């Protein structure tokens, strides 16, 4: 299973790239939000992407979908649990940032979801029914260009509230998870990074 690739940009097309890694060219589909970060990249430039690798008995040809950050790929994995949204349809639908999409889901913004490419009213309702109340951590993702950092107690409080109110953990459990994450990685300075470390610690158990 391919999870991450680094290499040289060999080819750019409207919805995909070819990445040359150790003499192998990987065709990688890139959602619109990812392509924005690749606009300035030229053929031969070094790039790195987190990869969602899709391959099943019904779909034996591997499909690789690339993301700038690991947490974006985590969102994508949740997004494709919605009925009638497969990997390629989901990739085409990501025309806004994960942060914006997560907030639209949490705020029950059906209108915003219907504006996504390939998402009609029925599918938008399915997205809300499946994912609403589960997108808190993704709604805290720091957008590119956001340089102002909140005081540590603010983002820790944000994470604690999401763990309790959105993800169903007890207050004592949430505090313990956060404390352990900060102990492992004291330099954490954002809600996004703290979430990543909390969940990294939980999955390592």
C-alpha atoms as a PDB file:
ATOM      1  CA  UNK A   1       0.000   0.000   0.000  1.00  0.00           C
ATOM      2  CA  UNK A   2       1.469   3.341  -1.067  1.00  0.00           C
ATOM      3  CA  UNK A   3       1.013   6.034   1.608  1.00  0.00           C
ATOM      4  CA  UNK A   4       3.596   8.714   0.735  1.00  0.00           C
ATOM      5  CA  UNK A   5       5.735   9.595  -2.271  1.00  0.00           C
ATOM      6  CA  UNK A   6       8.605  11.978  -2.908  1.00  0.00           C
ATOM      7  CA  UNK A   7      10.082  12.556  -6.329  1.00  0.00           C
ATOM      8  CA  UNK A   8      10.437  14.810  -9.342  1.00  0.00           C
ATOM      9  CA  UNK A   9       7.480  16.211 -11.230  1.00  0.00           C
ATOM     10  CA  UNK A  10       7.553  14.507 -14.620  1.00  0.00           C
ATOM     11  CA  UNK A  11       4.230  15.619 -16.108  1.00  0.00           C
ATOM     12  CA  UNK A  12       1.282  17.896 -15.265  1.00  0.00           C
ATOM     13  CA  UNK A  13      -2.237  17.438 -16.583  1.00  0.00           C
ATOM     14  CA  UNK A  14      -5.505  19.181 -15.604  1.00  0.00           C
ATOM     15  CA  UNK A  15      -6.475  16.603 -12.964  1.00  0.00           C
ATOM     16  CA  UNK A  16      -3.325  14.554 -12.388  1.00  0.00           C
ATOM     17  CA  UNK A  17       0.454  14.497 -12.357  1.00  0.00           C
ATOM     18  CA  UNK A  18       3.171  11.943 -12.999  1.00  0.00           C
ATOM     19  CA  UNK A  19       5.741  11.753 -10.209  1.00  0.00           C
ATOM     20  CA  UNK A  20       9.090  10.115 -10.937  1.00  0.00           C
ATOM     21  CA  UNK A  21      10.340   8.161  -7.914  1.00  0.00           C
ATOM     22  CA  UNK A  22      13.318   5.794  -8.211  1.00  0.00           C
ATOM     23  CA  UNK A  23      12.871   5.433 -11.985  1.00  0.00           C
ATOM     24  CA  UNK A  24       9.152   4.672 -11.604  1.00  0.00           C
ATOM     25  CA  UNK A  25       6.538   7.143 -12.827  1.00  0.00           C
ATOM     26  CA  UNK A  26       3.439   7.206 -10.620  1.00  0.00           C
ATOM     27  CA  UNK A  27       0.218   8.672 -12.033  1.00  0.00           C
ATOM     28  CA  UNK A  28      -1.434  10.573  -9.192  1.00  0.00           C
ATOM     29  CA  UNK A  29      -4.837  12.237  -9.284  1.00  0.00           C
ATOM     30  CA  UNK A  30      -4.780  15.602  -7.512  1.00  0.00           C
ATOM     31  CA  UNK A  31      -7.934  17.365  -6.235  1.00  0.00           C
ATOM     32  CA  UNK A  32      -8.366  21.043  -7.133  1.00  0.00           C
ATOM     33  CA  UNK A  33      -7.297  22.177  -3.657  1.00  0.00           C
ATOM     34  CA  UNK A  34      -4.039  20.257  -4.035  1.00  0.00           C
ATOM     35  CA  UNK A  35      -3.408  21.531  -7.556  1.00  0.00           C
ATOM     36  CA  UNK A  36      -3.387  25.101  -6.232  1.00  0.00           C
ATOM     37  CA  UNK A  37      -0.227  24.298  -4.276  1.00  0.00           C
ATOM     38  CA  UNK A  38       1.338  22.747  -7.382  1.00  0.00           C
ATOM     39  CA  UNK A  39       0.638  25.684  -9.705  1.00  0.00           C
ATOM     40  CA  UNK A  40       4.116  27.118  -9.213  1.00  0.00           C
ATOM     41  CA  UNK A  41       5.839  23.740  -9.525  1.00  0.00           C
ATOM     42  CA  UNK A  42       7.750  23.168 -12.746  1.00  0.00           C
ATOM     43  CA  UNK A  43       8.686  19.933 -14.513  1.00  0.00           C
ATOM     44  CA  UNK A  44      11.720  18.532 -12.702  1.00  0.00           C
ATOM     45  CA  UNK A  45      10.871  20.112  -9.335  1.00  0.00           C
ATOM     46  CA  UNK A  46      10.973  17.966  -6.205  1.00  0.00           C
ATOM     47  CA  UNK A  47       7.562  17.471  -4.601  1.00  0.00           C
ATOM     48  CA  UNK A  48       6.083  15.233  -1.906  1.00  0.00           C
ATOM     49  CA  UNK A  49       2.506  14.026  -1.453  1.00  0.00           C
ATOM     50  CA  UNK A  50       0.573  11.896   1.004  1.00  0.00           C
ATOM     51  CA  UNK A  51      -1.205   9.209  -0.989  1.00  0.00           C
ATOM     52  CA  UNK A  52      -4.604   7.562  -0.786  1.00  0.00           C
ATOM     53  CA  UNK A  53      -4.173   4.203  -2.554  1.00  0.00           C
ATOM     54  CA  UNK A  54      -7.395   2.623  -3.837  1.00  0.00           C
ATOM     55  CA  UNK A  55      -7.472  -0.902  -5.228  1.00  0.00           C
ATOM     56  CA  UNK A  56     -10.196  -3.528  -4.916  1.00  0.00           C
ATOM     57  CA  UNK A  57     -11.313  -6.703  -6.685  1.00  0.00           C
ATOM     58  CA  UNK A  58     -13.840  -4.616  -8.619  1.00  0.00           C
ATOM     59  CA  UNK A  59     -11.209  -1.942  -9.252  1.00  0.00           C
ATOM     60  CA  UNK A  60      -7.969  -3.921  -9.774  1.00  0.00           C
ATOM     61  CA  UNK A  61      -6.124  -1.002 -11.387  1.00  0.00           C
ATOM     62  CA  UNK A  62      -4.576   1.043  -8.571  1.00  0.00           C
ATOM     63  CA  UNK A  63      -5.788   4.615  -8.181  1.00  0.00           C
ATOM     64  CA  UNK A  64      -3.476   7.048  -6.382  1.00  0.00           C
ATOM     65  CA  UNK A  65      -4.831  10.340  -5.063  1.00  0.00           C
ATOM     66  CA  UNK A  66      -2.393  12.901  -3.675  1.00  0.00           C
ATOM     67  CA  UNK A  67      -2.674  15.348  -0.771  1.00  0.00           C
ATOM     68  CA  UNK A  68      -0.448  18.073   0.628  1.00  0.00           C
ATOM     69  CA  UNK A  69      -0.938  17.017   4.248  1.00  0.00           C
ATOM     70  CA  UNK A  70      -1.662  13.807   6.084  1.00  0.00           C
ATOM     71  CA  UNK A  71      -4.720  15.261   7.808  1.00  0.00           C
ATOM     72  CA  UNK A  72      -6.241  16.102   4.402  1.00  0.00           C
ATOM     73  CA  UNK A  73      -5.913  12.449   3.447  1.00  0.00           C
ATOM     74  CA  UNK A  74      -7.534  11.485   6.767  1.00  0.00           C
ATOM     75  CA  UNK A  75     -10.503  13.699   5.901  1.00  0.00           C
ATOM     76  CA  UNK A  76     -10.708  12.104   2.462  1.00  0.00           C
ATOM     77  CA  UNK A  77     -10.932   8.645   4.015  1.00  0.00           C
ATOM     78  CA  UNK A  78     -13.927   9.804   6.057  1.00  0.00           C
ATOM     79  CA  UNK A  79     -15.463  11.585   3.074  1.00  0.00           C
ATOM     80  CA  UNK A  80     -15.584   8.439   0.930  1.00  0.00           C
ATOM     81  CA  UNK A  81     -17.536   6.572   3.618  1.00  0.00           C
ATOM     82  CA  UNK A  82     -20.568   8.534   2.403  1.00  0.00           C
ATOM     83  CA  UNK A  83     -22.839   6.400   0.233  1.00  0.00           C
ATOM     84  CA  UNK A  84     -22.409   7.010  -3.513  1.00  0.00           C
ATOM     85  CA  UNK A  85     -19.113   8.896  -3.094  1.00  0.00           C
ATOM     86  CA  UNK A  86     -16.203   6.902  -4.481  1.00  0.00           C
ATOM     87  CA  UNK A  87     -12.558   8.018  -4.484  1.00  0.00           C
ATOM     88  CA  UNK A  88     -12.569   9.700  -7.900  1.00  0.00           C
ATOM     89  CA  UNK A  89     -15.893  11.448  -7.315  1.00  0.00           C
ATOM     90  CA  UNK A  90     -14.633  12.628  -3.937  1.00  0.00           C
ATOM     91  CA  UNK A  91     -11.387  13.913  -5.455  1.00  0.00           C
ATOM     92  CA  UNK A  92     -13.326  15.917  -8.065  1.00  0.00           C
ATOM     93  CA  UNK A  93     -15.595  17.329  -5.349  1.00  0.00           C
ATOM     94  CA  UNK A  94     -12.717  18.789  -3.337  1.00  0.00           C
ATOM     95  CA  UNK A  95     -12.874  22.224  -4.931  1.00  0.00           C
ATOM     96  CA  UNK A  96     -12.621  24.012  -1.561  1.00  0.00           C
ATOM     97  CA  UNK A  97     -10.211  23.445   1.298  1.00  0.00           C
ATOM     98  CA  UNK A  98     -10.764  20.624   3.782  1.00  0.00           C
ATOM     99  CA  UNK A  99     -11.199  23.254   6.503  1.00  0.00           C
ATOM    100  CA  UNK A 100     -14.008  24.968   4.565  1.00  0.00           C
ATOM    101  CA  UNK A 101     -15.711  21.698   3.719  1.00  0.00           C
ATOM    102  CA  UNK A 102     -15.502  20.414   7.295  1.00  0.00           C
ATOM    103  CA  UNK A 103     -16.994  23.663   8.586  1.00  0.00           C
ATOM    104  CA  UNK A 104     -19.812  23.483   6.039  1.00  0.00           C
ATOM    105  CA  UNK A 105     -20.645  19.981   7.281  1.00  0.00           C
ATOM    106  CA  UNK A 106     -20.512  20.961  10.963  1.00  0.00           C
ATOM    107  CA  UNK A 107     -22.636  24.056  10.312  1.00  0.00           C
ATOM    108  CA  UNK A 108     -25.196  22.035   8.318  1.00  0.00           C
ATOM    109  CA  UNK A 109     -24.607  24.252   5.290  1.00  0.00           C
ATOM    110  CA  UNK A 110     -26.424  22.262   2.612  1.00  0.00           C
ATOM    111  CA  UNK A 111     -26.059  25.090   0.104  1.00  0.00           C
ATOM    112  CA  UNK A 112     -22.262  25.048   0.306  1.00  0.00           C
ATOM    113  CA  UNK A 113     -22.161  21.283  -0.171  1.00  0.00           C
ATOM    114  CA  UNK A 114     -24.396  21.443  -3.254  1.00  0.00           C
ATOM    115  CA  UNK A 115     -21.875  23.803  -4.872  1.00  0.00           C
ATOM    116  CA  UNK A 116     -19.202  21.077  -4.851  1.00  0.00           C
ATOM    117  CA  UNK A 117     -18.463  19.571  -8.243  1.00  0.00           C
ATOM    118  CA  UNK A 118     -20.603  16.490  -8.873  1.00  0.00           C
ATOM    119  CA  UNK A 119     -22.540  16.797  -5.595  1.00  0.00           C
ATOM    120  CA  UNK A 120     -26.296  17.209  -5.945  1.00  0.00           C
ATOM    121  CA  UNK A 121     -28.945  17.832  -3.251  1.00  0.00           C
ATOM    122  CA  UNK A 122     -29.434  14.132  -2.481  1.00  0.00           C
ATOM    123  CA  UNK A 123     -25.718  13.430  -2.057  1.00  0.00           C
ATOM    124  CA  UNK A 124     -25.279  16.623  -0.028  1.00  0.00           C
ATOM    125  CA  UNK A 125     -27.914  15.383   2.419  1.00  0.00           C
ATOM    126  CA  UNK A 126     -26.115  12.032   2.650  1.00  0.00           C
ATOM    127  CA  UNK A 127     -22.867  13.854   3.473  1.00  0.00           C
ATOM    128  CA  UNK A 128     -24.558  15.639   6.367  1.00  0.00           C
ATOM    129  CA  UNK A 129     -26.282  12.472   7.594  1.00  0.00           C
ATOM    130  CA  UNK A 130     -22.996  10.534   7.596  1.00  0.00           C
ATOM    131  CA  UNK A 131     -20.426  13.094   8.706  1.00  0.00           C
ATOM    132  CA  UNK A 132     -22.107  15.868  10.676  1.00  0.00           C
ATOM    133  CA  UNK A 133     -20.728  15.949  14.224  1.00  0.00           C
ATOM    134  CA  UNK A 134     -17.521  14.148  13.201  1.00  0.00           C
ATOM    135  CA  UNK A 135     -15.635  16.922  11.402  1.00  0.00           C
ATOM    136  CA  UNK A 136     -14.522  19.045  14.349  1.00  0.00           C
ATOM    137  CA  UNK A 137     -10.811  18.340  14.112  1.00  0.00           C
ATOM    138  CA  UNK A 138     -10.728  19.014  10.364  1.00  0.00           C
ATOM    139  CA  UNK A 139     -12.513  22.335  10.826  1.00  0.00           C
ATOM    140  CA  UNK A 140      -9.519  23.429  12.935  1.00  0.00           C
ATOM    141  CA  UNK A 141      -6.969  22.912  10.156  1.00  0.00           C
ATOM    142  CA  UNK A 142      -4.813  25.993   9.716  1.00  0.00           C
ATOM    143  CA  UNK A 143      -5.108  27.387   6.210  1.00  0.00           C
ATOM    144  CA  UNK A 144      -1.989  28.341   4.215  1.00  0.00           C
ATOM    145  CA  UNK A 145      -1.090  31.936   4.991  1.00  0.00           C
ATOM    146  CA  UNK A 146      -2.476  31.843   8.526  1.00  0.00           C
ATOM    147  CA  UNK A 147       0.617  32.828  10.438  1.00  0.00           C
ATOM    148  CA  UNK A 148      -0.854  34.169  13.653  1.00  0.00           C
ATOM    149  CA  UNK A 149      -0.627  31.614  16.430  1.00  0.00           C
ATOM    150  CA  UNK A 150      -3.113  31.579  19.272  1.00  0.00           C
ATOM    151  CA  UNK A 151      -1.844  31.303  22.835  1.00  0.00           C
ATOM    152  CA  UNK A 152      -1.211  27.689  23.773  1.00  0.00           C
ATOM    153  CA  UNK A 153      -4.090  27.578  26.247  1.00  0.00           C
ATOM    154  CA  UNK A 154      -6.507  28.652  23.468  1.00  0.00           C
ATOM    155  CA  UNK A 155      -5.706  25.884  21.008  1.00  0.00           C
ATOM    156  CA  UNK A 156      -5.477  23.273  23.764  1.00  0.00           C
ATOM    157  CA  UNK A 157      -8.945  24.323  24.902  1.00  0.00           C
ATOM    158  CA  UNK A 158     -10.173  24.081  21.295  1.00  0.00           C
ATOM    159  CA  UNK A 159      -8.886  20.541  20.953  1.00  0.00           C
ATOM    160  CA  UNK A 160     -10.295  19.513  24.325  1.00  0.00           C
ATOM    161  CA  UNK A 161     -13.735  20.876  23.427  1.00  0.00           C
ATOM    162  CA  UNK A 162     -13.768  19.024  20.107  1.00  0.00           C
ATOM    163  CA  UNK A 163     -12.646  15.769  21.720  1.00  0.00           C
ATOM    164  CA  UNK A 164     -15.478  16.014  24.243  1.00  0.00           C
ATOM    165  CA  UNK A 165     -18.315  17.678  22.322  1.00  0.00           C
ATOM    166  CA  UNK A 166     -17.676  16.357  18.809  1.00  0.00           C
ATOM    167  CA  UNK A 167     -15.842  13.074  19.285  1.00  0.00           C
ATOM    168  CA  UNK A 168     -17.514  11.812  22.459  1.00  0.00           C
ATOM    169  CA  UNK A 169     -14.584  11.557  24.882  1.00  0.00           C
ATOM    170  CA  UNK A 170     -14.932  12.261  28.605  1.00  0.00           C
ATOM    171  CA  UNK A 171     -13.312  15.441  29.956  1.00  0.00           C
ATOM    172  CA  UNK A 172     -10.779  13.463  32.006  1.00  0.00           C
ATOM    173  CA  UNK A 173      -9.974  11.246  29.039  1.00  0.00           C
ATOM    174  CA  UNK A 174      -9.534  14.239  26.714  1.00  0.00           C
ATOM    175  CA  UNK A 175      -7.191  15.968  29.179  1.00  0.00           C
ATOM    176  CA  UNK A 176      -5.137  12.790  29.515  1.00  0.00           C
ATOM    177  CA  UNK A 177      -4.840  12.388  25.731  1.00  0.00           C
ATOM    178  CA  UNK A 178      -3.781  16.016  25.290  1.00  0.00           C
ATOM    179  CA  UNK A 179      -1.299  15.863  28.162  1.00  0.00           C
ATOM    180  CA  UNK A 180       0.320  12.740  26.718  1.00  0.00           C
ATOM    181  CA  UNK A 181       0.548  14.334  23.263  1.00  0.00           C
ATOM    182  CA  UNK A 182       2.205  17.499  24.617  1.00  0.00           C
ATOM    183  CA  UNK A 183       4.604  15.381  26.648  1.00  0.00           C
ATOM    184  CA  UNK A 184       5.655  13.485  23.523  1.00  0.00           C
ATOM    185  CA  UNK A 185       5.958  16.662  21.440  1.00  0.00           C
ATOM    186  CA  UNK A 186       6.329  19.793  23.527  1.00  0.00           C
ATOM    187  CA  UNK A 187       6.915  22.097  20.534  1.00  0.00           C
ATOM    188  CA  UNK A 188       3.311  21.756  19.294  1.00  0.00           C
ATOM    189  CA  UNK A 189       1.889  25.215  18.620  1.00  0.00           C
ATOM    190  CA  UNK A 190      -1.423  24.698  16.796  1.00  0.00           C
ATOM    191  CA  UNK A 191      -4.692  22.819  17.187  1.00  0.00           C
ATOM    192  CA  UNK A 192      -4.026  20.884  13.980  1.00  0.00           C
ATOM    193  CA  UNK A 193      -0.624  19.642  15.145  1.00  0.00           C
ATOM    194  CA  UNK A 194      -2.029  18.718  18.552  1.00  0.00           C
ATOM    195  CA  UNK A 195      -4.836  16.700  16.961  1.00  0.00           C
ATOM    196  CA  UNK A 196      -2.352  14.863  14.783  1.00  0.00           C
ATOM    197  CA  UNK A 197      -0.215  13.970  17.794  1.00  0.00           C
ATOM    198  CA  UNK A 198      -3.218  12.937  19.911  1.00  0.00           C
ATOM    199  CA  UNK A 199      -4.447  10.559  17.236  1.00  0.00           C
ATOM    200  CA  UNK A 200      -0.962   9.312  16.472  1.00  0.00           C
ATOM    201  CA  UNK A 201      -0.673   8.336  20.134  1.00  0.00           C
ATOM    202  CA  UNK A 202      -4.074   6.656  20.179  1.00  0.00           C
ATOM    203  CA  UNK A 203      -3.439   4.597  17.052  1.00  0.00           C
ATOM    204  CA  UNK A 204      -0.060   3.486  18.430  1.00  0.00           C
ATOM    205  CA  UNK A 205      -1.725   1.760  21.401  1.00  0.00           C
END
